[in-house]
């Protein structure tokens, strides 16, 4: 939760994207994102692909 609070302190409140069935959205690897529960009652699918450069340091370092 420390990392989430650091992001909120730096960038402010989140933005919301409401989408229609069948629409797609792509995020930069550093964008913190989530979704609410589906209310459609239909089956959902997710494809998650990620890559990260070695020079891409985390916002909050452990230790």
Protein backbone atom coordinates (compact mmCIF):
# COMPACT_ATOMS: atom_id res chain seq x y z
CA UNK A 1 0.00 0.00 0.00
CA UNK A 2 3.00 2.29 0.47
CA UNK A 3 3.64 2.26 -3.29
CA UNK A 4 -0.01 3.11 -4.05
CA UNK A 5 0.07 6.02 -1.60
CA UNK A 6 3.32 7.29 -3.14
CA UNK A 7 1.71 7.24 -6.59
CA UNK A 8 -1.42 9.04 -5.36
CA UNK A 9 0.73 11.68 -3.61
CA UNK A 10 2.73 12.23 -6.80
CA UNK A 11 0.04 12.06 -9.48
CA UNK A 12 -3.25 12.76 -7.69
CA UNK A 13 -6.58 10.99 -7.91
CA UNK A 14 -7.22 8.25 -10.49
CA UNK A 15 -9.02 8.72 -13.79
CA UNK A 16 -11.83 6.39 -14.79
CA UNK A 17 -12.51 4.87 -18.21
CA UNK A 18 -16.00 3.52 -18.84
CA UNK A 19 -16.02 1.11 -21.76
CA UNK A 20 -18.57 -0.69 -23.87
CA UNK A 21 -18.61 -4.43 -24.48
CA UNK A 22 -15.85 -5.45 -26.90
CA UNK A 23 -13.73 -2.32 -26.40
CA UNK A 24 -10.05 -2.63 -25.54
CA UNK A 25 -7.67 -0.45 -23.57
CA UNK A 26 -3.88 -0.49 -23.42
CA UNK A 27 -1.74 0.83 -20.57
CA UNK A 28 1.88 1.92 -20.31
CA UNK A 29 3.76 -0.58 -18.09
CA UNK A 30 4.14 2.04 -15.33
CA UNK A 31 0.43 2.87 -15.17
CA UNK A 32 -1.23 1.51 -12.05
CA UNK A 33 -4.61 0.18 -13.17
CA UNK A 34 -7.50 -1.95 -11.93
CA UNK A 35 -11.11 -2.74 -12.77
CA UNK A 36 -14.37 -3.10 -10.88
CA UNK A 37 -16.54 -6.19 -10.93
CA UNK A 38 -18.33 -6.82 -14.22
CA UNK A 39 -22.05 -6.17 -13.97
CA UNK A 40 -22.95 -7.62 -17.39
CA UNK A 41 -23.29 -11.21 -16.21
CA UNK A 42 -21.32 -12.30 -19.28
CA UNK A 43 -18.09 -14.28 -19.32
CA UNK A 44 -14.96 -12.08 -19.25
CA UNK A 45 -11.48 -12.63 -20.72
CA UNK A 46 -8.17 -10.92 -20.00
CA UNK A 47 -4.86 -11.01 -21.86
CA UNK A 48 -1.95 -9.63 -19.85
CA UNK A 49 1.40 -8.96 -21.50
CA UNK A 50 4.19 -7.08 -19.79
CA UNK A 51 7.82 -6.16 -20.36
CA UNK A 52 10.16 -4.13 -18.25
CA UNK A 53 13.59 -2.65 -18.90
CA UNK A 54 16.29 -3.31 -16.32
CA UNK A 55 16.73 0.46 -15.92
CA UNK A 56 13.07 0.88 -14.94
CA UNK A 57 13.45 1.29 -11.17
CA UNK A 58 10.41 0.80 -8.92
CA UNK A 59 8.82 3.86 -7.31
CA UNK A 60 9.29 2.46 -3.79
CA UNK A 61 12.34 0.28 -3.17
CA UNK A 62 12.10 -2.56 -0.63
CA UNK A 63 14.44 -2.62 2.34
